Amino acid sequence: MNKDWDPVDLLRHYRHDWLNHLQLIKGNLALGKTERVEVLLDEIIQQAKNESKLSNINGGLLAERLLTFNWEAHNFRLSFEVITDSCHLDTKEMEILHVTERLLEWFDHHCYAGADNHLLFVINEAEGVPVIEFDFQGKLITGSVSISDLEQAVGPGEQVEIEEVAMGQEECFIRLHFIIEERL
């Protein structure tokens, strides 16, 4: 959402990511660390499955944002997991994307630069309704964060309910439930 990626830029970044994976595998093989290679391969396979699921939930703009996020400078690394096979984001994608952008920006401003910060973005569903979770592990600037600030970052006027918030100095968990209006 922040940048319009042309196809050559997308391929260049994606190829760079794959080369990094291959170099890690090759380096661990050269060191005889076959158990580590197994772990790396399992992680790559899981990532590919998540990318496949992400591309099948009818949320192209959200998928683009999640896939390209780490190609920009941020104070944390983002990974994502798609738990459901049946969730379709067509009707709620823009709301989810807007709330996600605000929360990504909130985390960027409220975690220490240079710390080992990681945010897991989880897409799930409950009874056909999208449920999004943000699971942050790292170092938060605790003097400037509060649950009410976090609730404001989710934003008024959106059709989203905050189901759960848990915050500590080195973790933050948020579960959001996106409301689907009943059609008459």
N, C-alpha and C. Protein backbone atom coordinates (compact mmCIF):
# COMPACT_ATOMS: atom_id res chain seq x y z
N MET A 1 0.83 -1.19 0.00
CA MET A 1 0.00 0.00 0.00
C MET A 1 0.87 1.24 0.00
N ASN A 2 2.09 1.15 0.50
CA ASN A 2 2.96 2.31 0.54
C ASN A 2 3.65 2.57 -0.79
N LYS A 3 3.87 1.52 -1.59
CA LYS A 3 4.63 1.68 -2.81
C LYS A 3 3.98 0.87 -3.92
N ASP A 4 3.99 1.43 -5.12
CA ASP A 4 3.54 0.67 -6.27
C ASP A 4 4.74 -0.10 -6.80
N TRP A 5 4.68 -1.42 -6.68
CA TRP A 5 5.79 -2.27 -7.10
C TRP A 5 5.63 -2.61 -8.57
N ASP A 6 6.66 -2.38 -9.37
CA ASP A 6 6.59 -2.85 -10.74
C ASP A 6 7.07 -4.30 -10.76
N PRO A 7 6.69 -5.07 -11.76
CA PRO A 7 7.01 -6.50 -11.79
C PRO A 7 8.50 -6.82 -11.66
N VAL A 8 9.35 -6.01 -12.24
CA VAL A 8 10.79 -6.27 -12.16
C VAL A 8 11.28 -6.10 -10.72
N ASP A 9 10.82 -5.06 -10.02
CA ASP A 9 11.19 -4.87 -8.61
C ASP A 9 10.70 -6.04 -7.76
N LEU A 10 9.46 -6.46 -7.99
CA LEU A 10 8.92 -7.59 -7.24
C LEU A 10 9.78 -8.83 -7.43
N LEU A 11 10.09 -9.13 -8.67
CA LEU A 11 10.88 -10.33 -8.95
C LEU A 11 12.28 -10.21 -8.37
N ARG A 12 12.88 -9.03 -8.45
CA ARG A 12 14.23 -8.83 -7.91
C ARG A 12 14.25 -9.08 -6.41
N HIS A 13 13.29 -8.53 -5.67
CA HIS A 13 13.24 -8.73 -4.22
C HIS A 13 12.94 -10.19 -3.88
N TYR A 14 12.00 -10.78 -4.58
CA TYR A 14 11.63 -12.17 -4.30
C TYR A 14 12.80 -13.11 -4.60
N ARG A 15 13.48 -12.86 -5.71
CA ARG A 15 14.66 -13.67 -6.06
C ARG A 15 15.74 -13.52 -4.99
N HIS A 16 15.93 -12.32 -4.48
CA HIS A 16 16.91 -12.07 -3.42
C HIS A 16 16.57 -12.89 -2.17
N ASP A 17 15.28 -12.91 -1.80
CA ASP A 17 14.85 -13.70 -0.64
C ASP A 17 15.15 -15.18 -0.85
N TRP A 18 14.84 -15.70 -2.03
CA TRP A 18 15.09 -17.11 -2.31
C TRP A 18 16.58 -17.42 -2.32
N LEU A 19 17.38 -16.51 -2.85
CA LEU A 19 18.82 -16.72 -2.83
C LEU A 19 19.35 -16.80 -1.40
N ASN A 20 18.81 -15.96 -0.52
CA ASN A 20 19.21 -16.02 0.89
C ASN A 20 18.89 -17.39 1.49
N HIS A 21 17.70 -17.90 1.20
CA HIS A 21 17.33 -19.23 1.69
C HIS A 21 18.30 -20.29 1.18
N LEU A 22 18.58 -20.24 -0.11
CA LEU A 22 19.47 -21.24 -0.71
C LEU A 22 20.88 -21.15 -0.14
N GLN A 23 21.36 -19.94 0.11
CA GLN A 23 22.70 -19.77 0.68
C GLN A 23 22.76 -20.32 2.11
N LEU A 24 21.69 -20.12 2.88
CA LEU A 24 21.64 -20.70 4.23
C LEU A 24 21.69 -22.23 4.17
N ILE A 25 20.95 -22.80 3.25
CA ILE A 25 20.96 -24.26 3.10
C ILE A 25 22.34 -24.74 2.68
N LYS A 26 22.91 -24.10 1.68
CA LYS A 26 24.22 -24.51 1.19
C LYS A 26 25.29 -24.38 2.28
N GLY A 27 25.26 -23.28 3.02
CA GLY A 27 26.24 -23.07 4.09
C GLY A 27 26.13 -24.11 5.19
N ASN A 28 24.89 -24.44 5.56
CA ASN A 28 24.70 -25.46 6.60
C ASN A 28 25.07 -26.85 6.11
N LEU A 29 24.84 -27.13 4.83
CA LEU A 29 25.28 -28.41 4.28
C LEU A 29 26.80 -28.51 4.30
N ALA A 30 27.47 -27.40 3.93
CA ALA A 30 28.93 -27.39 3.91
C ALA A 30 29.50 -27.62 5.32
N LEU A 31 28.79 -27.17 6.34
CA LEU A 31 29.22 -27.36 7.73
C LEU A 31 28.75 -28.70 8.30
N GLY A 32 28.03 -29.47 7.49
CA GLY A 32 27.55 -30.78 7.94
C GLY A 32 26.38 -30.70 8.90
N LYS A 33 25.69 -29.58 8.92
CA LYS A 33 24.56 -29.39 9.84
C LYS A 33 23.25 -29.79 9.15
N THR A 34 23.10 -31.08 8.93
CA THR A 34 21.93 -31.57 8.20
C THR A 34 20.63 -31.36 8.98
N GLU A 35 20.69 -31.41 10.31
CA GLU A 35 19.48 -31.15 11.10
C GLU A 35 18.99 -29.72 10.90
N ARG A 36 19.94 -28.78 10.83
CA ARG A 36 19.57 -27.38 10.59
C ARG A 36 18.99 -27.20 9.19
N VAL A 37 19.53 -27.94 8.21
CA VAL A 37 19.01 -27.89 6.84
C VAL A 37 17.56 -28.38 6.83
N GLU A 38 17.28 -29.46 7.57
CA GLU A 38 15.91 -29.98 7.67
C GLU A 38 14.98 -28.90 8.22
N VAL A 39 15.41 -28.20 9.26
CA VAL A 39 14.59 -27.13 9.86
C VAL A 39 14.37 -26.01 8.84
N LEU A 40 15.42 -25.60 8.16
CA LEU A 40 15.30 -24.54 7.15
C LEU A 40 14.34 -24.94 6.04
N LEU A 41 14.45 -26.18 5.57
CA LEU A 41 13.54 -26.65 4.52
C LEU A 41 12.10 -26.67 5.00
N ASP A 42 11.88 -27.12 6.23
CA ASP A 42 10.52 -27.11 6.79
C ASP A 42 9.97 -25.69 6.86
N GLU A 43 10.81 -24.73 7.27
CA GLU A 43 10.38 -23.33 7.35
C GLU A 43 10.04 -22.78 5.97
N ILE A 44 10.85 -23.11 4.98
CA ILE A 44 10.61 -22.63 3.60
C ILE A 44 9.32 -23.23 3.06
N ILE A 45 9.11 -24.51 3.31
CA ILE A 45 7.88 -25.17 2.85
C ILE A 45 6.66 -24.54 3.51
N GLN A 46 6.74 -24.29 4.82
CA GLN A 46 5.62 -23.66 5.53
C GLN A 46 5.36 -22.25 5.00
N GLN A 47 6.43 -21.50 4.73
CA GLN A 47 6.28 -20.16 4.18
C GLN A 47 5.59 -20.22 2.82
N ALA A 48 5.99 -21.15 1.97
CA ALA A 48 5.38 -21.28 0.65
C ALA A 48 3.90 -21.66 0.77
N LYS A 49 3.56 -22.53 1.71
CA LYS A 49 2.15 -22.88 1.93
C LYS A 49 1.35 -21.67 2.38
N ASN A 50 1.92 -20.87 3.29
CA ASN A 50 1.23 -19.66 3.75
C ASN A 50 1.04 -18.66 2.62
N GLU A 51 2.06 -18.50 1.77
CA GLU A 51 1.94 -17.61 0.63
C GLU A 51 0.86 -18.09 -0.32
N SER A 52 0.77 -19.39 -0.51
CA SER A 52 -0.26 -19.96 -1.37
C SER A 52 -1.65 -19.70 -0.79
N LYS A 53 -1.83 -19.95 0.51
CA LYS A 53 -3.11 -19.68 1.15
C LYS A 53 -3.46 -18.20 1.09
N LEU A 54 -2.46 -17.36 1.31
CA LEU A 54 -2.68 -15.91 1.27
C LEU A 54 -3.18 -15.48 -0.10
N SER A 55 -2.64 -16.06 -1.15
CA SER A 55 -3.05 -15.68 -2.50
C SER A 55 -4.44 -16.21 -2.85
N ASN A 56 -4.99 -17.11 -2.05
CA ASN A 56 -6.29 -17.71 -2.34
C ASN A 56 -7.43 -17.17 -1.50
N ILE A 57 -7.21 -16.13 -0.70
CA ILE A 57 -8.29 -15.62 0.16
C ILE A 57 -8.91 -14.33 -0.38
N ASN A 58 -8.71 -14.06 -1.66
CA ASN A 58 -9.32 -12.90 -2.32
C ASN A 58 -9.02 -11.60 -1.60
N GLY A 59 -7.77 -11.41 -1.27
CA GLY A 59 -7.32 -10.18 -0.62
C GLY A 59 -6.01 -9.75 -1.24
N GLY A 60 -6.03 -9.41 -2.50
CA GLY A 60 -4.81 -9.11 -3.25
C GLY A 60 -3.99 -7.96 -2.68
N LEU A 61 -4.65 -6.89 -2.26
CA LEU A 61 -3.91 -5.74 -1.72
C LEU A 61 -3.27 -6.08 -0.38
N LEU A 62 -4.01 -6.81 0.45
CA LEU A 62 -3.46 -7.23 1.74
C LEU A 62 -2.30 -8.19 1.52
N ALA A 63 -2.46 -9.11 0.58
CA ALA A 63 -1.39 -10.07 0.27
C ALA A 63 -0.14 -9.33 -0.20
N GLU A 64 -0.32 -8.36 -1.07
CA GLU A 64 0.83 -7.58 -1.56
C GLU A 64 1.53 -6.89 -0.41
N ARG A 65 0.77 -6.31 0.51
CA ARG A 65 1.36 -5.58 1.63
C ARG A 65 2.16 -6.52 2.54
N LEU A 66 1.58 -7.67 2.84
CA LEU A 66 2.27 -8.62 3.72
C LEU A 66 3.52 -9.20 3.06
N LEU A 67 3.43 -9.50 1.77
CA LEU A 67 4.56 -10.10 1.06
C LEU A 67 5.72 -9.13 0.85
N THR A 68 5.42 -7.84 0.76
CA THR A 68 6.47 -6.86 0.46
C THR A 68 6.92 -6.05 1.67
N PHE A 69 6.27 -6.22 2.81
CA PHE A 69 6.56 -5.41 3.99
C PHE A 69 8.03 -5.42 4.37
N ASN A 70 8.65 -6.59 4.42
CA ASN A 70 10.04 -6.70 4.88
C ASN A 70 11.05 -6.16 3.86
N TRP A 71 10.60 -5.77 2.71
CA TRP A 71 11.50 -5.19 1.71
C TRP A 71 11.73 -3.70 1.98
N GLU A 72 11.01 -3.17 2.96
CA GLU A 72 11.15 -1.77 3.35
C GLU A 72 11.82 -1.73 4.73
N ALA A 73 12.30 -0.56 5.11
CA ALA A 73 12.95 -0.40 6.42
C ALA A 73 11.90 -0.26 7.52
N HIS A 74 11.95 -1.16 8.50
CA HIS A 74 11.05 -1.13 9.65
C HIS A 74 11.82 -1.55 10.88
N ASN A 75 11.23 -1.31 12.04
CA ASN A 75 11.87 -1.66 13.31
C ASN A 75 11.57 -3.09 13.75
N PHE A 76 10.89 -3.86 12.92
CA PHE A 76 10.59 -5.25 13.22
C PHE A 76 10.44 -6.04 11.92
N ARG A 77 10.57 -7.34 12.04
CA ARG A 77 10.34 -8.25 10.92
C ARG A 77 8.92 -8.74 11.01
N LEU A 78 8.30 -8.90 9.87
CA LEU A 78 6.92 -9.37 9.80
C LEU A 78 6.89 -10.75 9.16
N SER A 79 6.16 -11.64 9.79
CA SER A 79 5.84 -12.91 9.15
C SER A 79 4.33 -13.08 9.26
N PHE A 80 3.80 -13.98 8.47
CA PHE A 80 2.36 -14.17 8.50
C PHE A 80 2.04 -15.64 8.40
N GLU A 81 0.85 -15.95 8.88
CA GLU A 81 0.34 -17.32 8.83
C GLU A 81 -1.13 -17.24 8.47
N VAL A 82 -1.55 -18.09 7.56
CA VAL A 82 -2.95 -18.20 7.19
C VAL A 82 -3.43 -19.55 7.70
N ILE A 83 -4.29 -19.52 8.72
CA ILE A 83 -4.72 -20.75 9.36
C ILE A 83 -5.91 -21.37 8.63
N THR A 84 -6.79 -20.55 8.15
CA THR A 84 -8.02 -21.03 7.54
C THR A 84 -7.85 -21.27 6.04
N ASP A 85 -8.63 -22.20 5.53
CA ASP A 85 -8.67 -22.41 4.08
C ASP A 85 -9.93 -21.80 3.48
N SER A 86 -10.86 -21.41 4.33
CA SER A 86 -12.17 -21.00 3.82
C SER A 86 -12.45 -19.51 3.90
N CYS A 87 -11.59 -18.75 4.51
CA CYS A 87 -11.85 -17.32 4.70
C CYS A 87 -11.64 -16.56 3.39
N HIS A 88 -12.64 -15.77 3.03
CA HIS A 88 -12.53 -14.91 1.85
C HIS A 88 -12.67 -13.48 2.33
N LEU A 89 -11.70 -12.67 1.96
CA LEU A 89 -11.65 -11.30 2.48
C LEU A 89 -12.31 -10.27 1.58
N ASP A 90 -12.91 -10.71 0.47
CA ASP A 90 -13.43 -9.76 -0.52
C ASP A 90 -14.14 -8.56 0.09
N THR A 91 -15.11 -8.79 0.96
CA THR A 91 -15.95 -7.70 1.46
C THR A 91 -15.28 -6.89 2.56
N LYS A 92 -14.26 -7.42 3.21
CA LYS A 92 -13.64 -6.72 4.33
C LYS A 92 -12.19 -6.34 4.08
N GLU A 93 -11.68 -6.62 2.88
CA GLU A 93 -10.25 -6.41 2.64
C GLU A 93 -9.79 -4.98 2.93
N MET A 94 -10.52 -3.98 2.46
CA MET A 94 -10.07 -2.60 2.64
C MET A 94 -10.07 -2.22 4.13
N GLU A 95 -11.07 -2.65 4.88
CA GLU A 95 -11.09 -2.36 6.31
C GLU A 95 -9.92 -3.05 7.01
N ILE A 96 -9.70 -4.33 6.67
CA ILE A 96 -8.59 -5.07 7.26
C ILE A 96 -7.27 -4.41 6.91
N LEU A 97 -7.13 -3.99 5.67
CA LEU A 97 -5.90 -3.34 5.22
C LEU A 97 -5.67 -2.02 5.95
N HIS A 98 -6.70 -1.22 6.13
CA HIS A 98 -6.55 0.08 6.81
C HIS A 98 -6.17 -0.12 8.28
N VAL A 99 -6.85 -1.04 8.95
CA VAL A 99 -6.53 -1.30 10.35
C VAL A 99 -5.11 -1.88 10.46
N THR A 100 -4.78 -2.78 9.56
CA THR A 100 -3.44 -3.39 9.55
C THR A 100 -2.37 -2.33 9.37
N GLU A 101 -2.56 -1.42 8.43
CA GLU A 101 -1.58 -0.35 8.20
C GLU A 101 -1.38 0.49 9.45
N ARG A 102 -2.49 0.84 10.10
CA ARG A 102 -2.37 1.66 11.32
C ARG A 102 -1.63 0.91 12.42
N LEU A 103 -1.90 -0.38 12.57
CA LEU A 103 -1.22 -1.15 13.61
C LEU A 103 0.24 -1.41 13.26
N LEU A 104 0.55 -1.65 12.00
CA LEU A 104 1.95 -1.81 11.61
C LEU A 104 2.73 -0.53 11.90
N GLU A 105 2.12 0.60 11.60
CA GLU A 105 2.75 1.89 11.91
C GLU A 105 2.90 2.07 13.42
N TRP A 106 1.87 1.68 14.17
CA TRP A 106 1.92 1.79 15.63
C TRP A 106 3.09 0.97 16.19
N PHE A 107 3.22 -0.28 15.74
CA PHE A 107 4.33 -1.11 16.21
C PHE A 107 5.67 -0.51 15.79
N ASP A 108 5.75 0.01 14.58
CA ASP A 108 6.99 0.61 14.10
C ASP A 108 7.44 1.76 15.00
N HIS A 109 6.47 2.53 15.51
CA HIS A 109 6.79 3.68 16.35
C HIS A 109 6.98 3.32 17.83
N HIS A 110 6.52 2.15 18.24
CA HIS A 110 6.55 1.81 19.66
C HIS A 110 7.46 0.64 20.00
N CYS A 111 8.34 0.27 19.08
CA CYS A 111 9.33 -0.74 19.44
C CYS A 111 10.73 -0.18 19.18
N TYR A 112 11.69 -0.68 19.93
CA TYR A 112 13.05 -0.20 19.84
C TYR A 112 13.69 -0.60 18.51
N ALA A 113 14.26 0.38 17.83
CA ALA A 113 15.01 0.11 16.62
C ALA A 113 16.26 -0.67 17.00
N GLY A 114 16.61 -1.65 16.21
CA GLY A 114 17.81 -2.43 16.47
C GLY A 114 17.60 -3.62 17.38
N ALA A 115 16.46 -3.69 18.06
CA ALA A 115 16.17 -4.85 18.90
C ALA A 115 15.67 -5.99 18.01
N ASP A 116 15.67 -7.19 18.52
CA ASP A 116 15.19 -8.36 17.79
C ASP A 116 13.67 -8.40 17.91
N ASN A 117 12.99 -7.60 17.08
CA ASN A 117 11.54 -7.45 17.12
C ASN A 117 10.91 -8.25 15.99
N HIS A 118 9.85 -8.96 16.32
CA HIS A 118 9.17 -9.78 15.32
C HIS A 118 7.66 -9.68 15.54
N LEU A 119 6.93 -9.53 14.44
CA LEU A 119 5.47 -9.49 14.49
C LEU A 119 4.92 -10.60 13.61
N LEU A 120 4.11 -11.46 14.20
CA LEU A 120 3.42 -12.50 13.46
C LEU A 120 2.00 -12.03 13.21
N PHE A 121 1.60 -12.00 11.95
CA PHE A 121 0.27 -11.59 11.51
C PHE A 121 -0.48 -12.86 11.13
N VAL A 122 -1.58 -13.15 11.82
CA VAL A 122 -2.32 -14.39 11.60
C VAL A 122 -3.71 -14.08 11.05
N ILE A 123 -4.05 -14.76 9.96
CA ILE A 123 -5.38 -14.64 9.36
C ILE A 123 -6.13 -15.93 9.67
N ASN A 124 -7.31 -15.77 10.26
CA ASN A 124 -8.15 -16.91 10.59
C ASN A 124 -9.58 -16.49 10.34
N GLU A 125 -10.51 -17.33 10.70
CA GLU A 125 -11.92 -16.97 10.61
C GLU A 125 -12.68 -17.72 11.68
N ALA A 126 -13.78 -17.11 12.07
CA ALA A 126 -14.68 -17.74 13.03
C ALA A 126 -16.09 -17.55 12.51
N GLU A 127 -16.74 -18.64 12.20
CA GLU A 127 -18.11 -18.60 11.68
C GLU A 127 -18.23 -17.70 10.45
N GLY A 128 -17.23 -17.79 9.56
CA GLY A 128 -17.25 -17.02 8.32
C GLY A 128 -16.82 -15.58 8.44
N VAL A 129 -16.41 -15.17 9.63
CA VAL A 129 -16.01 -13.78 9.87
C VAL A 129 -14.48 -13.73 10.02
N PRO A 130 -13.81 -12.80 9.30
CA PRO A 130 -12.36 -12.70 9.42
C PRO A 130 -11.91 -12.34 10.83
N VAL A 131 -10.89 -13.06 11.30
CA VAL A 131 -10.26 -12.79 12.59
C VAL A 131 -8.77 -12.60 12.30
N ILE A 132 -8.24 -11.46 12.72
CA ILE A 132 -6.83 -11.14 12.49
C ILE A 132 -6.15 -11.02 13.84
N GLU A 133 -4.98 -11.65 13.95
CA GLU A 133 -4.20 -11.57 15.17
C GLU A 133 -2.83 -10.96 14.89
N PHE A 134 -2.38 -10.14 15.81
CA PHE A 134 -1.04 -9.56 15.78
C PHE A 134 -0.33 -10.07 17.02
N ASP A 135 0.77 -10.79 16.83
CA ASP A 135 1.51 -11.36 17.96
C ASP A 135 2.94 -10.82 17.89
N PHE A 136 3.21 -9.80 18.70
CA PHE A 136 4.51 -9.13 18.70
C PHE A 136 5.40 -9.69 19.79
N GLN A 137 6.64 -9.98 19.44
CA GLN A 137 7.67 -10.39 20.40
C GLN A 137 8.87 -9.49 20.15
N GLY A 138 9.34 -8.83 21.17
CA GLY A 138 10.47 -7.93 21.01
C GLY A 138 10.53 -6.96 22.17
N LYS A 139 11.00 -5.77 21.89
CA LYS A 139 11.17 -4.78 22.95
C LYS A 139 10.32 -3.56 22.63
N LEU A 140 9.29 -3.38 23.43
CA LEU A 140 8.41 -2.22 23.28
C LEU A 140 8.91 -1.06 24.12
N ILE A 141 8.68 0.14 23.65
CA ILE A 141 9.00 1.34 24.42
C ILE A 141 7.83 1.54 25.38
N THR A 142 7.94 0.94 26.55
CA THR A 142 6.80 0.84 27.46
C THR A 142 6.35 2.17 28.04
N GLY A 143 7.22 3.14 28.10
CA GLY A 143 6.82 4.44 28.64
C GLY A 143 5.82 5.16 27.75
N SER A 144 5.76 4.77 26.49
CA SER A 144 4.89 5.49 25.57
C SER A 144 3.75 4.63 25.02
N VAL A 145 3.52 3.45 25.60
CA VAL A 145 2.46 2.60 25.08
C VAL A 145 1.41 2.32 26.14
N SER A 146 0.19 2.26 25.68
CA SER A 146 -0.91 1.88 26.55
C SER A 146 -1.95 1.16 25.71
N ILE A 147 -2.80 0.43 26.36
CA ILE A 147 -3.85 -0.29 25.64
C ILE A 147 -4.80 0.70 24.97
N SER A 148 -5.06 1.83 25.60
CA SER A 148 -5.96 2.82 24.97
C SER A 148 -5.34 3.40 23.71
N ASP A 149 -4.01 3.61 23.71
CA ASP A 149 -3.33 4.07 22.49
C ASP A 149 -3.48 3.03 21.38
N LEU A 150 -3.33 1.79 21.75
CA LEU A 150 -3.46 0.69 20.81
C LEU A 150 -4.88 0.63 20.25
N GLU A 151 -5.87 0.80 21.12
CA GLU A 151 -7.27 0.80 20.68
C GLU A 151 -7.54 1.95 19.72
N GLN A 152 -6.92 3.11 19.97
CA GLN A 152 -7.08 4.24 19.06
C GLN A 152 -6.43 3.95 17.72
N ALA A 153 -5.33 3.22 17.71
CA ALA A 153 -4.68 2.86 16.45
C ALA A 153 -5.56 1.96 15.61
N VAL A 154 -6.36 1.12 16.26
CA VAL A 154 -7.30 0.28 15.50
C VAL A 154 -8.27 1.17 14.76
N GLY A 155 -8.68 2.25 15.41
CA GLY A 155 -9.45 3.27 14.72
C GLY A 155 -10.93 3.22 14.98
N PRO A 156 -11.49 4.39 15.16
CA PRO A 156 -12.94 4.49 15.32
C PRO A 156 -13.61 4.38 13.95
N GLY A 157 -14.84 3.96 13.97
CA GLY A 157 -15.62 3.94 12.73
C GLY A 157 -15.44 2.67 11.92
N GLU A 158 -14.42 1.90 12.20
CA GLU A 158 -14.24 0.65 11.47
C GLU A 158 -15.18 -0.39 12.09
N GLN A 159 -15.59 -1.32 11.27
CA GLN A 159 -16.44 -2.38 11.80
C GLN A 159 -15.55 -3.53 12.25
N VAL A 160 -14.89 -3.27 13.37
CA VAL A 160 -13.96 -4.24 13.94
C VAL A 160 -14.09 -4.21 15.45
N GLU A 161 -14.05 -5.38 16.03
CA GLU A 161 -14.09 -5.49 17.48
C GLU A 161 -12.74 -6.00 17.95
N ILE A 162 -12.24 -5.41 19.02
CA ILE A 162 -11.02 -5.92 19.64
C ILE A 162 -11.46 -7.01 20.61
N GLU A 163 -11.16 -8.26 20.26
CA GLU A 163 -11.57 -9.39 21.10
C GLU A 163 -10.63 -9.60 22.27
N GLU A 164 -9.34 -9.33 22.04
CA GLU A 164 -8.36 -9.59 23.09
C GLU A 164 -7.15 -8.69 22.89
N VAL A 165 -6.65 -8.17 23.98
CA VAL A 165 -5.40 -7.40 23.98
C VAL A 165 -4.62 -7.82 25.22
N ALA A 166 -3.36 -8.16 25.01
CA ALA A 166 -2.47 -8.45 26.13
C ALA A 166 -1.15 -7.77 25.82
N MET A 167 -0.65 -7.00 26.77
CA MET A 167 0.56 -6.22 26.50
C MET A 167 1.53 -6.32 27.67
N GLY A 168 2.79 -6.52 27.34
CA GLY A 168 3.86 -6.51 28.32
C GLY A 168 5.05 -5.76 27.74
N GLN A 169 6.17 -5.79 28.43
CA GLN A 169 7.35 -5.08 27.96
C GLN A 169 7.96 -5.71 26.72
N GLU A 170 7.79 -7.02 26.56
CA GLU A 170 8.43 -7.70 25.45
C GLU A 170 7.45 -8.48 24.59
N GLU A 171 6.17 -8.22 24.76
CA GLU A 171 5.19 -8.87 23.92
C GLU A 171 3.90 -8.07 23.89
N CYS A 172 3.17 -8.30 22.81
CA CYS A 172 1.86 -7.67 22.67
C CYS A 172 1.04 -8.58 21.77
N PHE A 173 -0.17 -8.89 22.19
CA PHE A 173 -1.05 -9.75 21.41
C PHE A 173 -2.37 -9.03 21.22
N ILE A 174 -2.85 -9.01 19.98
CA ILE A 174 -4.13 -8.36 19.66
C ILE A 174 -4.91 -9.31 18.76
N ARG A 175 -6.17 -9.54 19.10
CA ARG A 175 -7.07 -10.32 18.25
C ARG A 175 -8.22 -9.42 17.84
N LEU A 176 -8.41 -9.28 16.53
CA LEU A 176 -9.47 -8.44 15.99
C LEU A 176 -10.48 -9.29 15.25
N HIS A 177 -11.73 -8.95 15.41
CA HIS A 177 -12.85 -9.65 14.80
C HIS A 177 -13.53 -8.63 13.88
N PHE A 178 -13.57 -8.89 12.59
CA PHE A 178 -14.17 -7.96 11.64
C PHE A 178 -15.63 -8.33 11.42
N ILE A 179 -16.50 -7.36 11.64
CA ILE A 179 -17.94 -7.58 11.62
C ILE A 179 -18.42 -7.55 10.17
N ILE A 180 -19.22 -8.52 9.84
CA ILE A 180 -19.85 -8.55 8.52
C ILE A 180 -21.31 -8.19 8.71
N GLU A 181 -21.75 -7.19 7.96
CA GLU A 181 -23.14 -6.72 8.09
C GLU A 181 -24.07 -7.76 7.51
N GLU A 182 -25.18 -7.94 8.19
CA GLU A 182 -26.21 -8.85 7.70
C GLU A 182 -26.87 -8.23 6.48
N ARG A 183 -27.07 -9.03 5.45
CA ARG A 183 -27.76 -8.53 4.25
C ARG A 183 -29.22 -8.93 4.31
N LEU A 184 -30.06 -7.98 4.00
CA LEU A 184 -31.49 -8.25 4.05
C LEU A 184 -31.98 -8.85 2.76
